[in-house]
Amino acid sequence: MPVRRKLDGLRIAHLDVGLHVVSAGEGKIFTADLAVMAMLQRGYGVLDALIDAVDNYNMHAAAPLLRLQLDTLFRVSYMANHAEADSLAIRLLNGEEFRSMRDADGKKLTDGRLQELAAAHHDWAIAVYRETSGWVHFSLSHMKATTQTGDDGSIFMGIPLRPTVLPVSLWLEVLGAAVQATDEIFEYVRRWAETKAHSARRIRDANT
């Protein structure tokens, strides 16, 4: 599937994007780099596992993994659009979690709040995130994937999930959403690299 190949290409591209980050700004390491690189490492691992899950028709793993990638997208979106990157990274390094922090309006940065803030930039991802929740928490999605009825009233229950139970379109949607989320994460990371390079030049010029 072309979309599967594209996603695998994005998985590998994490290496080049990470190198771009650490090389920007004459190779100087900014505090925010630590958070950005951690997000990239997480993304590589998520895509590596997600591709394997799809190849093995394992929606029980694929959907939660997609949600993890969306989770990263919402956090990097907040970091880029609503926070001072270095200050946020320092708080994370001190062990604070997003959910214990508050935004400019004084609201806690829960998963729901991060989604609200990201909606203006990534409205498509909100509905996908909610759909994946049905596979994270035990729900009707799991029961329907396990049990099917025939036209003659017969009942089939099977372990593991059979490849024919879920439509091909659903697998393509999972892969497509992962591609879009990763593309948009990369856009933020590249923007950060540009900001970092500009800051490094400004610091250098101030010291000459």
N, C-alpha and C. Protein backbone atom coordinates (compact mmCIF):
# COMPACT_ATOMS: atom_id res chain seq x y z
N MET A 1 0.85 -1.19 0.00
CA MET A 1 0.00 0.00 0.00
C MET A 1 0.89 1.25 0.00
N PRO A 2 0.62 2.19 -0.90
CA PRO A 2 1.44 3.41 -0.95
C PRO A 2 1.49 4.15 0.38
N VAL A 3 0.35 4.23 1.08
CA VAL A 3 0.32 4.97 2.34
C VAL A 3 1.17 4.28 3.39
N ARG A 4 1.25 2.96 3.31
CA ARG A 4 2.09 2.21 4.26
C ARG A 4 3.56 2.53 3.99
N ARG A 5 3.94 2.58 2.70
CA ARG A 5 5.32 2.91 2.35
C ARG A 5 5.67 4.34 2.76
N LYS A 6 4.70 5.23 2.60
CA LYS A 6 4.94 6.62 3.00
C LYS A 6 5.17 6.72 4.50
N LEU A 7 4.37 5.98 5.27
CA LEU A 7 4.53 6.02 6.72
C LEU A 7 5.88 5.45 7.14
N ASP A 8 6.31 4.39 6.48
CA ASP A 8 7.62 3.83 6.80
C ASP A 8 8.72 4.81 6.44
N GLY A 9 8.52 5.56 5.35
CA GLY A 9 9.49 6.59 5.00
C GLY A 9 9.56 7.69 6.04
N LEU A 10 8.41 8.04 6.61
CA LEU A 10 8.39 9.05 7.67
C LEU A 10 9.06 8.52 8.94
N ARG A 11 8.89 7.23 9.18
CA ARG A 11 9.58 6.63 10.34
C ARG A 11 11.08 6.84 10.21
N ILE A 12 11.61 6.52 9.06
CA ILE A 12 13.05 6.66 8.83
C ILE A 12 13.45 8.14 8.84
N ALA A 13 12.56 9.00 8.36
CA ALA A 13 12.85 10.44 8.29
C ALA A 13 13.06 11.06 9.66
N HIS A 14 12.59 10.39 10.72
CA HIS A 14 12.83 10.91 12.07
C HIS A 14 14.33 11.13 12.31
N LEU A 15 15.16 10.29 11.70
CA LEU A 15 16.61 10.41 11.90
C LEU A 15 17.13 11.71 11.31
N ASP A 16 16.70 12.02 10.08
CA ASP A 16 17.14 13.25 9.43
C ASP A 16 16.58 14.49 10.13
N VAL A 17 15.32 14.41 10.54
CA VAL A 17 14.71 15.55 11.22
C VAL A 17 15.41 15.81 12.55
N GLY A 18 15.74 14.74 13.27
CA GLY A 18 16.47 14.88 14.53
C GLY A 18 17.84 15.49 14.32
N LEU A 19 18.52 15.06 13.26
CA LEU A 19 19.84 15.62 12.95
C LEU A 19 19.72 17.10 12.61
N HIS A 20 18.66 17.46 11.92
CA HIS A 20 18.43 18.87 11.58
C HIS A 20 18.29 19.72 12.84
N VAL A 21 17.60 19.17 13.84
CA VAL A 21 17.40 19.89 15.10
C VAL A 21 18.72 20.13 15.81
N VAL A 22 19.49 19.07 16.00
CA VAL A 22 20.73 19.21 16.79
C VAL A 22 21.81 19.98 16.02
N SER A 23 21.71 20.01 14.69
CA SER A 23 22.70 20.74 13.90
C SER A 23 22.37 22.22 13.78
N ALA A 24 21.11 22.56 13.94
CA ALA A 24 20.70 23.96 13.80
C ALA A 24 21.36 24.83 14.86
N GLY A 25 21.52 26.10 14.53
CA GLY A 25 22.12 27.01 15.50
C GLY A 25 23.57 26.70 15.79
N GLU A 26 24.30 26.31 14.71
CA GLU A 26 25.73 26.01 14.83
C GLU A 26 25.99 24.86 15.80
N GLY A 27 25.01 23.98 15.93
CA GLY A 27 25.19 22.80 16.76
C GLY A 27 25.02 23.03 18.25
N LYS A 28 24.63 24.22 18.63
CA LYS A 28 24.39 24.49 20.05
C LYS A 28 23.12 23.77 20.50
N ILE A 29 23.14 23.26 21.72
CA ILE A 29 21.98 22.56 22.26
C ILE A 29 21.19 23.49 23.16
N PHE A 30 19.94 23.70 22.81
CA PHE A 30 19.03 24.49 23.63
C PHE A 30 18.22 23.56 24.52
N THR A 31 17.72 24.08 25.61
CA THR A 31 16.94 23.24 26.53
C THR A 31 15.75 22.61 25.82
N ALA A 32 15.10 23.36 24.95
CA ALA A 32 13.93 22.84 24.24
C ALA A 32 14.28 21.66 23.35
N ASP A 33 15.55 21.58 22.92
CA ASP A 33 15.98 20.45 22.10
C ASP A 33 15.72 19.12 22.81
N LEU A 34 15.87 19.13 24.13
CA LEU A 34 15.71 17.89 24.89
C LEU A 34 14.28 17.38 24.80
N ALA A 35 13.32 18.29 24.84
CA ALA A 35 11.92 17.90 24.70
C ALA A 35 11.60 17.50 23.26
N VAL A 36 12.10 18.28 22.32
CA VAL A 36 11.83 18.01 20.91
C VAL A 36 12.40 16.66 20.50
N MET A 37 13.64 16.38 20.89
CA MET A 37 14.26 15.11 20.53
C MET A 37 13.55 13.93 21.19
N ALA A 38 13.07 14.14 22.41
CA ALA A 38 12.32 13.07 23.09
C ALA A 38 11.02 12.78 22.34
N MET A 39 10.38 13.83 21.84
CA MET A 39 9.16 13.63 21.05
C MET A 39 9.46 12.88 19.76
N LEU A 40 10.59 13.19 19.14
CA LEU A 40 10.97 12.49 17.91
C LEU A 40 11.30 11.02 18.19
N GLN A 41 12.00 10.76 19.27
CA GLN A 41 12.30 9.36 19.60
C GLN A 41 11.01 8.59 19.86
N ARG A 42 10.09 9.24 20.59
CA ARG A 42 8.79 8.61 20.85
C ARG A 42 8.07 8.33 19.53
N GLY A 43 8.08 9.33 18.63
CA GLY A 43 7.40 9.16 17.35
C GLY A 43 7.97 8.02 16.53
N TYR A 44 9.30 7.90 16.51
CA TYR A 44 9.93 6.79 15.78
C TYR A 44 9.45 5.46 16.34
N GLY A 45 9.48 5.33 17.65
CA GLY A 45 9.07 4.07 18.26
C GLY A 45 7.61 3.76 18.02
N VAL A 46 6.76 4.79 18.09
CA VAL A 46 5.33 4.60 17.85
C VAL A 46 5.08 4.13 16.42
N LEU A 47 5.69 4.78 15.43
CA LEU A 47 5.48 4.38 14.04
C LEU A 47 6.05 3.00 13.77
N ASP A 48 7.18 2.69 14.35
CA ASP A 48 7.78 1.37 14.17
C ASP A 48 6.81 0.28 14.62
N ALA A 49 6.20 0.49 15.78
CA ALA A 49 5.25 -0.48 16.31
C ALA A 49 3.92 -0.45 15.57
N LEU A 50 3.48 0.75 15.16
CA LEU A 50 2.19 0.87 14.47
C LEU A 50 2.22 0.15 13.12
N ILE A 51 3.31 0.33 12.39
CA ILE A 51 3.44 -0.35 11.09
C ILE A 51 3.39 -1.86 11.29
N ASP A 52 4.08 -2.35 12.30
CA ASP A 52 4.08 -3.78 12.59
C ASP A 52 2.68 -4.25 12.96
N ALA A 53 1.96 -3.44 13.73
CA ALA A 53 0.60 -3.80 14.15
C ALA A 53 -0.34 -3.88 12.94
N VAL A 54 -0.23 -2.92 12.03
CA VAL A 54 -1.08 -2.94 10.83
C VAL A 54 -0.72 -4.13 9.94
N ASP A 55 0.56 -4.39 9.79
CA ASP A 55 0.99 -5.52 8.97
C ASP A 55 0.43 -6.84 9.49
N ASN A 56 0.19 -6.90 10.80
CA ASN A 56 -0.32 -8.12 11.42
C ASN A 56 -1.81 -8.02 11.77
N TYR A 57 -2.48 -7.03 11.20
CA TYR A 57 -3.93 -6.83 11.40
C TYR A 57 -4.29 -6.76 12.88
N ASN A 58 -3.47 -6.05 13.64
CA ASN A 58 -3.68 -5.95 15.09
C ASN A 58 -4.20 -4.55 15.42
N MET A 59 -5.51 -4.36 15.27
CA MET A 59 -6.10 -3.06 15.56
C MET A 59 -6.05 -2.75 17.05
N HIS A 60 -6.01 -3.80 17.89
CA HIS A 60 -5.96 -3.58 19.34
C HIS A 60 -4.69 -2.82 19.73
N ALA A 61 -3.65 -2.95 18.92
CA ALA A 61 -2.41 -2.19 19.16
C ALA A 61 -2.33 -0.96 18.26
N ALA A 62 -2.79 -1.09 17.01
CA ALA A 62 -2.63 0.00 16.04
C ALA A 62 -3.38 1.26 16.46
N ALA A 63 -4.63 1.12 16.90
CA ALA A 63 -5.42 2.30 17.27
C ALA A 63 -4.84 3.03 18.48
N PRO A 64 -4.48 2.32 19.57
CA PRO A 64 -3.84 3.03 20.69
C PRO A 64 -2.52 3.69 20.30
N LEU A 65 -1.77 3.06 19.40
CA LEU A 65 -0.51 3.66 18.96
C LEU A 65 -0.76 4.93 18.16
N LEU A 66 -1.79 4.92 17.33
CA LEU A 66 -2.15 6.14 16.60
C LEU A 66 -2.52 7.24 17.59
N ARG A 67 -3.23 6.87 18.64
CA ARG A 67 -3.60 7.87 19.64
C ARG A 67 -2.36 8.45 20.31
N LEU A 68 -1.33 7.65 20.53
CA LEU A 68 -0.09 8.16 21.10
C LEU A 68 0.55 9.20 20.18
N GLN A 69 0.50 8.95 18.87
CA GLN A 69 1.09 9.92 17.94
C GLN A 69 0.28 11.22 17.94
N LEU A 70 -1.03 11.11 18.05
CA LEU A 70 -1.86 12.31 18.15
C LEU A 70 -1.58 13.04 19.46
N ASP A 71 -1.34 12.28 20.51
CA ASP A 71 -0.99 12.86 21.80
C ASP A 71 0.28 13.71 21.68
N THR A 72 1.26 13.20 20.95
CA THR A 72 2.49 13.96 20.71
C THR A 72 2.20 15.21 19.88
N LEU A 73 1.35 15.07 18.87
CA LEU A 73 0.99 16.22 18.04
C LEU A 73 0.37 17.33 18.88
N PHE A 74 -0.54 16.98 19.78
CA PHE A 74 -1.20 18.00 20.61
C PHE A 74 -0.20 18.70 21.52
N ARG A 75 0.77 17.94 22.02
CA ARG A 75 1.76 18.53 22.93
C ARG A 75 2.77 19.41 22.21
N VAL A 76 3.21 18.98 21.06
CA VAL A 76 4.16 19.82 20.32
C VAL A 76 3.44 21.05 19.77
N SER A 77 2.15 20.92 19.48
CA SER A 77 1.36 22.08 19.06
C SER A 77 1.27 23.11 20.19
N TYR A 78 1.04 22.63 21.40
CA TYR A 78 1.00 23.55 22.54
C TYR A 78 2.35 24.22 22.74
N MET A 79 3.40 23.43 22.65
CA MET A 79 4.75 23.94 22.85
C MET A 79 5.08 25.03 21.82
N ALA A 80 4.60 24.85 20.60
CA ALA A 80 4.92 25.79 19.53
C ALA A 80 4.02 27.02 19.52
N ASN A 81 2.76 26.84 19.89
CA ASN A 81 1.77 27.92 19.71
C ASN A 81 1.35 28.64 20.99
N HIS A 82 1.60 28.02 22.14
CA HIS A 82 1.04 28.60 23.37
C HIS A 82 2.04 28.72 24.52
N ALA A 83 3.29 28.38 24.30
CA ALA A 83 4.24 28.37 25.42
C ALA A 83 5.61 28.84 24.97
N GLU A 84 6.44 29.21 25.94
CA GLU A 84 7.84 29.50 25.67
C GLU A 84 8.59 28.18 25.78
N ALA A 85 9.18 27.76 24.67
CA ALA A 85 9.67 26.39 24.54
C ALA A 85 10.68 26.00 25.62
N ASP A 86 11.68 26.85 25.86
CA ASP A 86 12.71 26.50 26.84
C ASP A 86 12.12 26.40 28.25
N SER A 87 11.25 27.32 28.61
CA SER A 87 10.64 27.29 29.94
C SER A 87 9.82 26.03 30.14
N LEU A 88 9.06 25.65 29.11
CA LEU A 88 8.26 24.43 29.19
C LEU A 88 9.16 23.21 29.33
N ALA A 89 10.24 23.19 28.56
CA ALA A 89 11.16 22.05 28.63
C ALA A 89 11.78 21.92 30.01
N ILE A 90 12.13 23.04 30.63
CA ILE A 90 12.70 23.02 31.98
C ILE A 90 11.71 22.43 32.97
N ARG A 91 10.46 22.80 32.85
CA ARG A 91 9.44 22.27 33.76
C ARG A 91 9.28 20.76 33.56
N LEU A 92 9.34 20.32 32.32
CA LEU A 92 9.27 18.89 32.06
C LEU A 92 10.49 18.17 32.63
N LEU A 93 11.66 18.77 32.49
CA LEU A 93 12.88 18.18 33.03
C LEU A 93 12.84 18.10 34.56
N ASN A 94 12.11 19.01 35.18
CA ASN A 94 11.96 19.00 36.63
C ASN A 94 10.90 18.01 37.10
N GLY A 95 10.34 17.27 36.15
CA GLY A 95 9.40 16.22 36.52
C GLY A 95 7.93 16.60 36.47
N GLU A 96 7.64 17.84 36.07
CA GLU A 96 6.23 18.25 35.95
C GLU A 96 5.59 17.56 34.75
N GLU A 97 4.33 17.23 34.88
CA GLU A 97 3.57 16.68 33.77
C GLU A 97 2.66 17.76 33.20
N PHE A 98 2.30 17.61 31.94
CA PHE A 98 1.42 18.60 31.32
C PHE A 98 0.15 18.80 32.14
N ARG A 99 -0.42 17.71 32.63
CA ARG A 99 -1.71 17.81 33.32
C ARG A 99 -1.63 18.59 34.63
N SER A 100 -0.42 18.80 35.15
CA SER A 100 -0.28 19.60 36.37
C SER A 100 0.03 21.06 36.07
N MET A 101 0.27 21.37 34.80
CA MET A 101 0.54 22.75 34.39
C MET A 101 -0.77 23.45 34.03
N ARG A 102 -0.71 24.77 33.94
CA ARG A 102 -1.88 25.56 33.54
C ARG A 102 -1.53 26.43 32.35
N ASP A 103 -2.52 26.65 31.50
CA ASP A 103 -2.29 27.50 30.34
C ASP A 103 -2.48 28.97 30.71
N ALA A 104 -2.44 29.83 29.71
CA ALA A 104 -2.54 31.28 29.96
C ALA A 104 -3.88 31.67 30.56
N ASP A 105 -4.90 30.84 30.38
CA ASP A 105 -6.22 31.11 30.94
C ASP A 105 -6.41 30.47 32.31
N GLY A 106 -5.34 29.86 32.83
CA GLY A 106 -5.42 29.24 34.14
C GLY A 106 -6.04 27.86 34.15
N LYS A 107 -6.25 27.28 32.98
CA LYS A 107 -6.85 25.94 32.90
C LYS A 107 -5.76 24.88 32.87
N LYS A 108 -6.01 23.77 33.59
CA LYS A 108 -5.03 22.69 33.61
C LYS A 108 -4.90 22.05 32.23
N LEU A 109 -3.67 21.68 31.91
CA LEU A 109 -3.39 21.12 30.59
C LEU A 109 -3.68 19.62 30.58
N THR A 110 -4.94 19.29 30.77
CA THR A 110 -5.38 17.90 30.65
C THR A 110 -5.37 17.51 29.17
N ASP A 111 -5.56 16.22 28.90
CA ASP A 111 -5.63 15.78 27.51
C ASP A 111 -6.73 16.54 26.77
N GLY A 112 -7.87 16.70 27.44
CA GLY A 112 -8.98 17.41 26.81
C GLY A 112 -8.65 18.86 26.50
N ARG A 113 -7.97 19.53 27.42
CA ARG A 113 -7.60 20.93 27.20
C ARG A 113 -6.58 21.06 26.07
N LEU A 114 -5.62 20.15 26.01
CA LEU A 114 -4.64 20.17 24.93
C LEU A 114 -5.32 19.98 23.58
N GLN A 115 -6.34 19.14 23.55
CA GLN A 115 -7.10 18.96 22.32
C GLN A 115 -7.81 20.26 21.93
N GLU A 116 -8.42 20.91 22.91
CA GLU A 116 -9.12 22.17 22.63
C GLU A 116 -8.16 23.20 22.02
N LEU A 117 -6.98 23.31 22.60
CA LEU A 117 -6.01 24.29 22.13
C LEU A 117 -5.47 23.92 20.75
N ALA A 118 -5.39 22.62 20.47
CA ALA A 118 -4.86 22.17 19.18
C ALA A 118 -5.90 22.22 18.07
N ALA A 119 -7.18 22.30 18.45
CA ALA A 119 -8.26 22.20 17.46
C ALA A 119 -8.17 23.26 16.38
N ALA A 120 -7.71 24.45 16.74
CA ALA A 120 -7.62 25.54 15.76
C ALA A 120 -6.61 25.23 14.66
N HIS A 121 -5.65 24.38 14.97
CA HIS A 121 -4.59 24.06 14.01
C HIS A 121 -4.73 22.65 13.43
N HIS A 122 -5.41 21.77 14.14
CA HIS A 122 -5.49 20.36 13.75
C HIS A 122 -6.89 19.82 14.01
N ASP A 123 -7.89 20.47 13.45
CA ASP A 123 -9.27 20.08 13.74
C ASP A 123 -9.56 18.63 13.34
N TRP A 124 -8.93 18.14 12.29
CA TRP A 124 -9.16 16.78 11.82
C TRP A 124 -8.78 15.75 12.88
N ALA A 125 -7.76 16.08 13.69
CA ALA A 125 -7.21 15.11 14.63
C ALA A 125 -8.11 14.86 15.83
N ILE A 126 -9.00 15.79 16.14
CA ILE A 126 -9.83 15.66 17.33
C ILE A 126 -10.78 14.48 17.19
N ALA A 127 -11.46 14.38 16.06
CA ALA A 127 -12.40 13.27 15.84
C ALA A 127 -11.66 11.94 15.79
N VAL A 128 -10.49 11.93 15.17
CA VAL A 128 -9.72 10.68 15.10
C VAL A 128 -9.30 10.24 16.49
N TYR A 129 -8.88 11.19 17.32
CA TYR A 129 -8.47 10.86 18.69
C TYR A 129 -9.63 10.22 19.44
N ARG A 130 -10.82 10.77 19.28
CA ARG A 130 -11.98 10.21 19.98
C ARG A 130 -12.31 8.81 19.49
N GLU A 131 -12.16 8.60 18.18
CA GLU A 131 -12.42 7.27 17.63
C GLU A 131 -11.43 6.24 18.18
N THR A 132 -10.17 6.63 18.30
CA THR A 132 -9.18 5.68 18.82
C THR A 132 -9.43 5.35 20.29
N SER A 133 -10.10 6.24 21.00
CA SER A 133 -10.38 5.99 22.42
C SER A 133 -11.23 4.74 22.59
N GLY A 134 -12.04 4.43 21.58
CA GLY A 134 -12.86 3.23 21.65
C GLY A 134 -12.05 1.95 21.61
N TRP A 135 -10.80 2.07 21.19
CA TRP A 135 -9.91 0.91 21.18
C TRP A 135 -8.94 0.92 22.36
N VAL A 136 -8.81 2.06 23.01
CA VAL A 136 -7.93 2.14 24.19
C VAL A 136 -8.65 1.61 25.41
N HIS A 137 -9.88 2.08 25.62
CA HIS A 137 -10.69 1.64 26.75
C HIS A 137 -11.62 0.53 26.27
N PHE A 138 -11.74 -0.54 27.04
CA PHE A 138 -12.56 -1.68 26.62
C PHE A 138 -13.97 -1.19 26.30
N SER A 139 -14.44 -1.54 25.10
CA SER A 139 -15.71 -0.97 24.64
C SER A 139 -16.36 -1.89 23.62
N LEU A 140 -17.44 -1.38 23.03
CA LEU A 140 -18.16 -2.11 21.99
C LEU A 140 -17.26 -2.44 20.81
N SER A 141 -16.28 -1.59 20.53
CA SER A 141 -15.36 -1.86 19.42
C SER A 141 -14.69 -3.22 19.57
N HIS A 142 -14.28 -3.54 20.78
CA HIS A 142 -13.62 -4.82 21.03
C HIS A 142 -14.61 -5.98 20.89
N MET A 143 -15.82 -5.79 21.37
CA MET A 143 -16.81 -6.86 21.32
C MET A 143 -17.24 -7.14 19.88
N LYS A 144 -17.40 -6.08 19.07
CA LYS A 144 -17.78 -6.27 17.67
C LYS A 144 -16.66 -6.91 16.87
N ALA A 145 -15.41 -6.62 17.23
CA ALA A 145 -14.29 -7.23 16.53
C ALA A 145 -14.15 -8.70 16.87
N THR A 146 -14.65 -9.09 18.04
CA THR A 146 -14.52 -10.47 18.50
C THR A 146 -15.65 -11.36 18.01
N THR A 147 -16.87 -10.83 17.97
CA THR A 147 -18.04 -11.64 17.67
C THR A 147 -18.78 -11.13 16.44
N GLN A 148 -19.07 -12.05 15.51
CA GLN A 148 -19.84 -11.72 14.32
C GLN A 148 -20.97 -12.74 14.15
N THR A 149 -22.04 -12.31 13.52
CA THR A 149 -23.18 -13.21 13.26
C THR A 149 -23.32 -13.43 11.77
N GLY A 150 -23.75 -14.64 11.40
CA GLY A 150 -23.98 -14.97 10.00
C GLY A 150 -25.42 -14.75 9.61
N ASP A 151 -25.70 -14.80 8.31
CA ASP A 151 -27.06 -14.61 7.82
C ASP A 151 -27.99 -15.71 8.32
N ASP A 152 -27.41 -16.86 8.64
CA ASP A 152 -28.22 -17.98 9.12
C ASP A 152 -28.40 -17.97 10.63
N GLY A 153 -27.97 -16.89 11.27
CA GLY A 153 -28.10 -16.79 12.72
C GLY A 153 -26.95 -17.40 13.49
N SER A 154 -25.94 -17.90 12.78
CA SER A 154 -24.79 -18.48 13.46
C SER A 154 -23.94 -17.38 14.09
N ILE A 155 -23.18 -17.75 15.09
CA ILE A 155 -22.31 -16.81 15.79
C ILE A 155 -20.87 -17.30 15.70
N PHE A 156 -19.98 -16.39 15.37
CA PHE A 156 -18.55 -16.73 15.34
C PHE A 156 -17.81 -15.84 16.32
N MET A 157 -17.01 -16.45 17.16
CA MET A 157 -16.11 -15.73 18.05
C MET A 157 -14.71 -16.28 17.85
N GLY A 158 -13.74 -15.39 17.67
CA GLY A 158 -12.40 -15.87 17.36
C GLY A 158 -11.29 -15.09 18.03
N ILE A 159 -10.19 -15.77 18.25
CA ILE A 159 -8.95 -15.18 18.75
C ILE A 159 -7.82 -15.72 17.87
N PRO A 160 -6.97 -14.85 17.29
CA PRO A 160 -6.94 -13.38 17.36
C PRO A 160 -7.95 -12.76 16.39
N LEU A 161 -7.89 -11.44 16.25
CA LEU A 161 -8.75 -10.73 15.32
C LEU A 161 -8.44 -11.18 13.89
N ARG A 162 -9.47 -11.61 13.17
CA ARG A 162 -9.27 -12.07 11.80
C ARG A 162 -9.11 -10.87 10.85
N PRO A 163 -8.21 -10.99 9.86
CA PRO A 163 -7.98 -9.87 8.93
C PRO A 163 -9.23 -9.42 8.19
N THR A 164 -10.19 -10.34 7.98
CA THR A 164 -11.37 -10.01 7.19
C THR A 164 -12.46 -9.29 7.98
N VAL A 165 -12.31 -9.19 9.29
CA VAL A 165 -13.37 -8.60 10.11
C VAL A 165 -13.48 -7.10 9.90
N LEU A 166 -12.36 -6.41 9.87
CA LEU A 166 -12.36 -4.95 9.70
C LEU A 166 -12.12 -4.60 8.24
N PRO A 167 -12.82 -3.60 7.71
CA PRO A 167 -12.66 -3.24 6.29
C PRO A 167 -11.28 -2.65 6.01
N VAL A 168 -10.83 -2.84 4.78
CA VAL A 168 -9.54 -2.30 4.36
C VAL A 168 -9.52 -0.78 4.55
N SER A 169 -10.66 -0.15 4.34
CA SER A 169 -10.73 1.31 4.46
C SER A 169 -10.34 1.78 5.86
N LEU A 170 -10.65 0.98 6.89
CA LEU A 170 -10.30 1.37 8.25
C LEU A 170 -8.79 1.34 8.46
N TRP A 171 -8.14 0.32 7.92
CA TRP A 171 -6.68 0.24 8.03
C TRP A 171 -6.03 1.41 7.29
N LEU A 172 -6.59 1.76 6.14
CA LEU A 172 -6.05 2.89 5.38
C LEU A 172 -6.24 4.20 6.13
N GLU A 173 -7.36 4.32 6.83
CA GLU A 173 -7.60 5.53 7.64
C GLU A 173 -6.59 5.64 8.77
N VAL A 174 -6.28 4.52 9.40
CA VAL A 174 -5.29 4.53 10.48
C VAL A 174 -3.93 4.97 9.94
N LEU A 175 -3.52 4.37 8.83
CA LEU A 175 -2.23 4.73 8.24
C LEU A 175 -2.22 6.19 7.79
N GLY A 176 -3.31 6.62 7.15
CA GLY A 176 -3.39 7.99 6.67
C GLY A 176 -3.33 9.01 7.79
N ALA A 177 -4.02 8.71 8.89
CA ALA A 177 -4.00 9.63 10.04
C ALA A 177 -2.61 9.69 10.66
N ALA A 178 -1.93 8.55 10.70
CA ALA A 178 -0.57 8.53 11.24
C ALA A 178 0.38 9.34 10.36
N VAL A 179 0.19 9.24 9.05
CA VAL A 179 1.01 10.03 8.12
C VAL A 179 0.77 11.53 8.35
N GLN A 180 -0.49 11.93 8.43
CA GLN A 180 -0.80 13.36 8.59
C GLN A 180 -0.29 13.89 9.92
N ALA A 181 -0.49 13.11 10.99
CA ALA A 181 -0.01 13.55 12.30
C ALA A 181 1.50 13.73 12.30
N THR A 182 2.20 12.78 11.68
CA THR A 182 3.67 12.85 11.66
C THR A 182 4.15 14.01 10.80
N ASP A 183 3.52 14.21 9.66
CA ASP A 183 3.87 15.36 8.81
C ASP A 183 3.74 16.67 9.59
N GLU A 184 2.67 16.78 10.35
CA GLU A 184 2.41 18.03 11.08
C GLU A 184 3.35 18.18 12.28
N ILE A 185 3.73 17.07 12.89
CA ILE A 185 4.75 17.12 13.94
C ILE A 185 6.07 17.61 13.35
N PHE A 186 6.43 17.07 12.19
CA PHE A 186 7.67 17.48 11.54
C PHE A 186 7.66 18.97 11.20
N GLU A 187 6.51 19.50 10.79
CA GLU A 187 6.43 20.93 10.48
C GLU A 187 6.79 21.76 11.70
N TYR A 188 6.28 21.37 12.86
CA TYR A 188 6.61 22.10 14.09
C TYR A 188 8.09 21.97 14.42
N VAL A 189 8.62 20.77 14.25
CA VAL A 189 10.03 20.55 14.60
C VAL A 189 10.94 21.35 13.69
N ARG A 190 10.63 21.38 12.41
CA ARG A 190 11.45 22.17 11.48
C ARG A 190 11.34 23.67 11.80
N ARG A 191 10.15 24.08 12.20
CA ARG A 191 9.98 25.48 12.59
C ARG A 191 10.84 25.80 13.82
N TRP A 192 10.89 24.85 14.76
CA TRP A 192 11.73 25.05 15.94
C TRP A 192 13.20 25.16 15.54
N ALA A 193 13.64 24.31 14.60
CA ALA A 193 15.03 24.36 14.16
C ALA A 193 15.36 25.73 13.56
N GLU A 194 14.42 26.30 12.81
CA GLU A 194 14.63 27.63 12.23
C GLU A 194 14.71 28.69 13.33
N THR A 195 13.82 28.58 14.32
CA THR A 195 13.83 29.52 15.44
C THR A 195 15.14 29.43 16.21
N LYS A 196 15.59 28.21 16.41
CA LYS A 196 16.84 27.98 17.13
C LYS A 196 18.02 28.59 16.37
N ALA A 197 18.05 28.39 15.06
CA ALA A 197 19.15 28.94 14.25
C ALA A 197 19.15 30.47 14.32
N HIS A 198 17.96 31.06 14.26
CA HIS A 198 17.85 32.53 14.34
C HIS A 198 18.34 33.02 15.70
N SER A 199 17.95 32.32 16.77
CA SER A 199 18.36 32.72 18.12
C SER A 199 19.87 32.61 18.29
N ALA A 200 20.44 31.54 17.73
CA ALA A 200 21.89 31.36 17.84
C ALA A 200 22.64 32.47 17.12
N ARG A 201 22.13 32.89 15.96
CA ARG A 201 22.77 33.99 15.22
C ARG A 201 22.68 35.28 16.01
N ARG A 202 21.54 35.51 16.63
CA ARG A 202 21.35 36.73 17.41
C ARG A 202 22.31 36.76 18.60
N ILE A 203 22.48 35.63 19.26
CA ILE A 203 23.41 35.54 20.39
C ILE A 203 24.84 35.76 19.93
N ARG A 204 25.19 35.16 18.79
CA ARG A 204 26.55 35.31 18.26
C ARG A 204 26.83 36.76 17.90
N ASP A 205 25.86 37.39 17.23
CA ASP A 205 26.05 38.79 16.82
C ASP A 205 26.17 39.71 18.03
N ALA A 206 25.44 39.39 19.09
CA ALA A 206 25.48 40.22 20.29
C ALA A 206 26.83 40.12 21.00
N ASN A 207 27.53 39.02 20.76
CA ASN A 207 28.81 38.80 21.43
C ASN A 207 30.01 39.17 20.57
N THR A 208 29.74 39.74 19.39
CA THR A 208 30.86 40.12 18.51
C THR A 208 30.97 41.64 18.41
